[in-house]
Structures are given as structure tokens and as C-alpha cells.
Amino acid sequence: MRVTEHHRVEERRGLVGTIVARYGVGEHVAVDVRLADGRYRMFWPMDLEEIPPTPRAWRSFLFGRGASG
């Protein structure tokens, strides 16, 4: 998940993470997100957008395993 560009806290816009918990029912739902840096934050679902997962091989290339230079 990624925090949308319209989030009220500018520093949180564009942050990426994984939903780890859901609270509430119906229209009154909030989610706990574990951000990429390890912090946890609670968000309203309307403040998040789904992003496609990075394929494992591409992620390995980006972060050193198999990357040259």
C-alpha cells in the first residue's frame, strides 16, 4: 500500500507499507500499516492506494543480489 498524495500530513504522502491489522466494521474501518522503515501508523482506507508488488527477481536486482556495479 502507498499513502495517497492527498493525505493531510505531507511527510506521510507516498510512504509505502503493508497492512497488518484492520479495526472496525462497515464504513468505520481503520487499518494499521507497517511502513517500509519499520514504523507502524494507523490510516483510513481512503488515504491508501494499492500498488502492485515488485517481482522478487527485479527486487533482488535492485537491492544488490545480481546487480553489477
N, C-alpha and C. Protein backbone atom coordinates (compact mmCIF):
# COMPACT_ATOMS: atom_id res chain seq x y z
N MET A 1 0.84 -1.16 0.00
CA MET A 1 0.00 0.00 0.00
C MET A 1 0.89 1.24 0.00
N ARG A 2 0.34 2.30 -0.54
CA ARG A 2 1.06 3.58 -0.55
C ARG A 2 0.10 4.65 -0.05
N VAL A 3 0.62 5.58 0.75
CA VAL A 3 -0.17 6.69 1.24
C VAL A 3 -0.41 7.64 0.06
N THR A 4 -1.65 8.05 -0.12
CA THR A 4 -2.01 8.89 -1.26
C THR A 4 -1.39 10.28 -1.17
N GLU A 5 -1.35 10.93 -2.29
CA GLU A 5 -0.79 12.29 -2.37
C GLU A 5 -1.70 13.34 -1.74
N HIS A 6 -2.93 12.97 -1.38
CA HIS A 6 -3.82 13.95 -0.75
C HIS A 6 -3.87 13.81 0.77
N HIS A 7 -3.02 12.94 1.34
CA HIS A 7 -3.03 12.77 2.80
C HIS A 7 -2.75 14.11 3.48
N ARG A 8 -3.43 14.35 4.60
CA ARG A 8 -3.32 15.66 5.26
C ARG A 8 -1.94 15.93 5.83
N VAL A 9 -1.17 14.88 6.16
CA VAL A 9 0.19 15.06 6.68
C VAL A 9 1.17 14.89 5.53
N GLU A 10 1.75 15.98 5.11
CA GLU A 10 2.60 15.99 3.92
C GLU A 10 3.75 14.98 4.01
N GLU A 11 4.36 14.82 5.19
CA GLU A 11 5.50 13.92 5.35
C GLU A 11 5.13 12.45 5.15
N ARG A 12 3.86 12.12 5.23
CA ARG A 12 3.43 10.73 5.05
C ARG A 12 3.04 10.41 3.62
N ARG A 13 2.88 11.41 2.79
CA ARG A 13 2.48 11.19 1.40
C ARG A 13 3.53 10.36 0.67
N GLY A 14 3.08 9.31 0.00
CA GLY A 14 3.98 8.47 -0.79
C GLY A 14 4.66 7.37 -0.01
N LEU A 15 4.50 7.33 1.33
CA LEU A 15 5.11 6.25 2.10
C LEU A 15 4.51 4.92 1.69
N VAL A 16 5.31 3.87 1.74
CA VAL A 16 4.90 2.54 1.32
C VAL A 16 4.94 1.60 2.52
N GLY A 17 3.96 0.69 2.58
CA GLY A 17 3.94 -0.27 3.67
C GLY A 17 2.97 -1.41 3.40
N THR A 18 2.76 -2.21 4.45
CA THR A 18 1.90 -3.38 4.39
C THR A 18 0.83 -3.29 5.47
N ILE A 19 -0.41 -3.54 5.11
CA ILE A 19 -1.48 -3.56 6.11
C ILE A 19 -1.29 -4.79 6.98
N VAL A 20 -1.29 -4.57 8.31
CA VAL A 20 -1.07 -5.68 9.23
C VAL A 20 -2.27 -5.92 10.14
N ALA A 21 -3.21 -4.98 10.21
CA ALA A 21 -4.40 -5.16 11.05
C ALA A 21 -5.51 -4.26 10.55
N ARG A 22 -6.73 -4.69 10.84
CA ARG A 22 -7.92 -3.93 10.43
C ARG A 22 -8.82 -3.81 11.66
N TYR A 23 -9.38 -2.62 11.87
CA TYR A 23 -10.23 -2.37 13.02
C TYR A 23 -11.55 -1.75 12.56
N GLY A 24 -12.64 -2.14 13.18
CA GLY A 24 -13.93 -1.57 12.87
C GLY A 24 -14.71 -2.41 11.88
N VAL A 25 -15.90 -1.89 11.51
CA VAL A 25 -16.78 -2.57 10.56
C VAL A 25 -17.43 -1.55 9.63
N GLY A 26 -17.89 -2.05 8.50
CA GLY A 26 -18.63 -1.21 7.56
C GLY A 26 -17.83 0.00 7.11
N GLU A 27 -18.46 1.16 7.23
CA GLU A 27 -17.82 2.40 6.80
C GLU A 27 -16.85 2.97 7.84
N HIS A 28 -16.80 2.34 8.99
CA HIS A 28 -15.96 2.83 10.09
C HIS A 28 -14.78 1.90 10.31
N VAL A 29 -13.89 1.87 9.32
CA VAL A 29 -12.74 0.97 9.36
C VAL A 29 -11.46 1.79 9.35
N ALA A 30 -10.49 1.36 10.13
CA ALA A 30 -9.13 1.91 10.10
C ALA A 30 -8.19 0.73 9.97
N VAL A 31 -7.00 0.98 9.43
CA VAL A 31 -6.03 -0.09 9.26
C VAL A 31 -4.68 0.32 9.83
N ASP A 32 -3.97 -0.66 10.40
CA ASP A 32 -2.60 -0.47 10.86
C ASP A 32 -1.69 -0.83 9.71
N VAL A 33 -0.72 0.02 9.42
CA VAL A 33 0.21 -0.21 8.32
C VAL A 33 1.63 -0.24 8.88
N ARG A 34 2.37 -1.30 8.53
CA ARG A 34 3.79 -1.36 8.85
C ARG A 34 4.52 -0.72 7.67
N LEU A 35 5.13 0.42 7.92
CA LEU A 35 5.81 1.15 6.86
C LEU A 35 7.15 0.50 6.54
N ALA A 36 7.71 0.85 5.40
CA ALA A 36 8.96 0.24 4.93
C ALA A 36 10.10 0.44 5.91
N ASP A 37 10.07 1.52 6.70
CA ASP A 37 11.15 1.78 7.67
C ASP A 37 10.91 1.09 9.01
N GLY A 38 9.84 0.29 9.11
CA GLY A 38 9.57 -0.46 10.32
C GLY A 38 8.57 0.17 11.28
N ARG A 39 8.26 1.45 11.08
CA ARG A 39 7.27 2.11 11.95
C ARG A 39 5.87 1.62 11.61
N TYR A 40 4.97 1.78 12.57
CA TYR A 40 3.56 1.45 12.38
C TYR A 40 2.75 2.73 12.47
N ARG A 41 1.77 2.88 11.60
CA ARG A 41 0.85 4.02 11.61
C ARG A 41 -0.55 3.51 11.30
N MET A 42 -1.54 4.20 11.83
CA MET A 42 -2.93 3.86 11.54
C MET A 42 -3.45 4.84 10.48
N PHE A 43 -4.17 4.30 9.50
CA PHE A 43 -4.71 5.11 8.41
C PHE A 43 -6.17 4.76 8.16
N TRP A 44 -6.88 5.69 7.56
CA TRP A 44 -8.19 5.41 7.00
C TRP A 44 -7.94 4.79 5.63
N PRO A 45 -8.74 3.82 5.21
CA PRO A 45 -8.53 3.21 3.89
C PRO A 45 -8.53 4.22 2.74
N MET A 46 -9.30 5.29 2.87
CA MET A 46 -9.35 6.28 1.78
C MET A 46 -8.02 7.01 1.60
N ASP A 47 -7.11 6.90 2.58
CA ASP A 47 -5.81 7.55 2.49
C ASP A 47 -4.73 6.63 1.92
N LEU A 48 -5.14 5.44 1.48
CA LEU A 48 -4.19 4.46 0.95
C LEU A 48 -4.58 4.05 -0.45
N GLU A 49 -3.57 3.67 -1.22
CA GLU A 49 -3.83 3.11 -2.55
C GLU A 49 -3.00 1.85 -2.71
N GLU A 50 -3.57 0.88 -3.42
CA GLU A 50 -2.88 -0.37 -3.65
C GLU A 50 -1.84 -0.18 -4.74
N ILE A 51 -0.68 -0.76 -4.53
CA ILE A 51 0.36 -0.73 -5.56
C ILE A 51 0.73 -2.17 -5.87
N PRO A 52 1.09 -2.45 -7.12
CA PRO A 52 1.44 -3.83 -7.48
C PRO A 52 2.74 -4.24 -6.80
N PRO A 53 2.84 -5.50 -6.40
CA PRO A 53 4.08 -5.96 -5.77
C PRO A 53 5.22 -6.00 -6.78
N THR A 54 6.42 -5.78 -6.29
CA THR A 54 7.60 -5.86 -7.14
C THR A 54 7.98 -7.33 -7.27
N PRO A 55 8.14 -7.83 -8.50
CA PRO A 55 8.56 -9.23 -8.65
C PRO A 55 9.88 -9.48 -7.93
N ARG A 56 10.00 -10.64 -7.31
CA ARG A 56 11.16 -10.97 -6.48
C ARG A 56 12.48 -10.83 -7.26
N ALA A 57 12.54 -11.27 -8.50
CA ALA A 57 13.78 -11.18 -9.27
C ALA A 57 14.18 -9.72 -9.49
N TRP A 58 13.24 -8.86 -9.79
CA TRP A 58 13.53 -7.44 -10.00
C TRP A 58 13.98 -6.80 -8.70
N ARG A 59 13.33 -7.16 -7.58
CA ARG A 59 13.70 -6.63 -6.27
C ARG A 59 15.13 -7.04 -5.93
N SER A 60 15.51 -8.29 -6.24
CA SER A 60 16.87 -8.77 -5.98
C SER A 60 17.88 -7.96 -6.78
N PHE A 61 17.54 -7.68 -8.02
CA PHE A 61 18.43 -6.88 -8.87
C PHE A 61 18.61 -5.48 -8.29
N LEU A 62 17.52 -4.87 -7.86
CA LEU A 62 17.57 -3.50 -7.34
C LEU A 62 18.38 -3.40 -6.05
N PHE A 63 18.33 -4.41 -5.22
CA PHE A 63 18.93 -4.31 -3.90
C PHE A 63 20.20 -5.15 -3.74
N GLY A 64 20.90 -5.40 -4.84
CA GLY A 64 22.24 -5.91 -4.72
C GLY A 64 22.51 -7.34 -5.14
N ARG A 65 21.59 -8.24 -4.97
CA ARG A 65 21.85 -9.63 -5.36
C ARG A 65 21.69 -9.74 -6.87
N GLY A 66 22.80 -9.83 -7.56
CA GLY A 66 22.76 -9.95 -9.01
C GLY A 66 22.97 -8.62 -9.72
N ALA A 67 23.04 -7.53 -8.96
CA ALA A 67 23.28 -6.23 -9.57
C ALA A 67 24.78 -6.05 -9.77
N SER A 68 25.13 -5.51 -10.91
CA SER A 68 26.55 -5.24 -11.14
C SER A 68 26.80 -3.75 -10.98
N GLY A 69 28.02 -3.41 -10.52
CA GLY A 69 28.41 -2.01 -10.41
C GLY A 69 28.07 -1.46 -9.13
